[in-house]
């Protein structure tokens, strides 16, 4: 069993920054990708960013590219999402996700490809 615990959400103003963290723990812990998704009220869950654990490669949704940075702390089994120049449209519940098996191609952008999810953390950006 894998547990994902997110932290770092909150209420900020447009243009501010926030840092989200997701710590993974559990027996026989191994995975191929850790990612962030978000879900705004009345909308589908959408991909934000992902980190390939084997080689450190990253990928981003176009709407956050150049503003958000995903990184990792290998020693702490943690993935971090640094969110800069936040906009009101970034308001959502942010979820950490982990893929226990190898995924690639367009699957990395698909919520159904991830086997484990955190509880979510609210990010609210006021204008």
Foldseek 3Di string as FASTA:
>chain_A
DKAKAKDWADEEAAQAKTKMKIFMDDPPDDFFKKFKWWDDPPGDIWGAKMAGPPPGDIDGDPVQPPFWDWGDDVVRNMIMIIGGRDDQVVWTWMKMFTARDDDDDCVVGPPVRTDDIHPTDTHGYHD
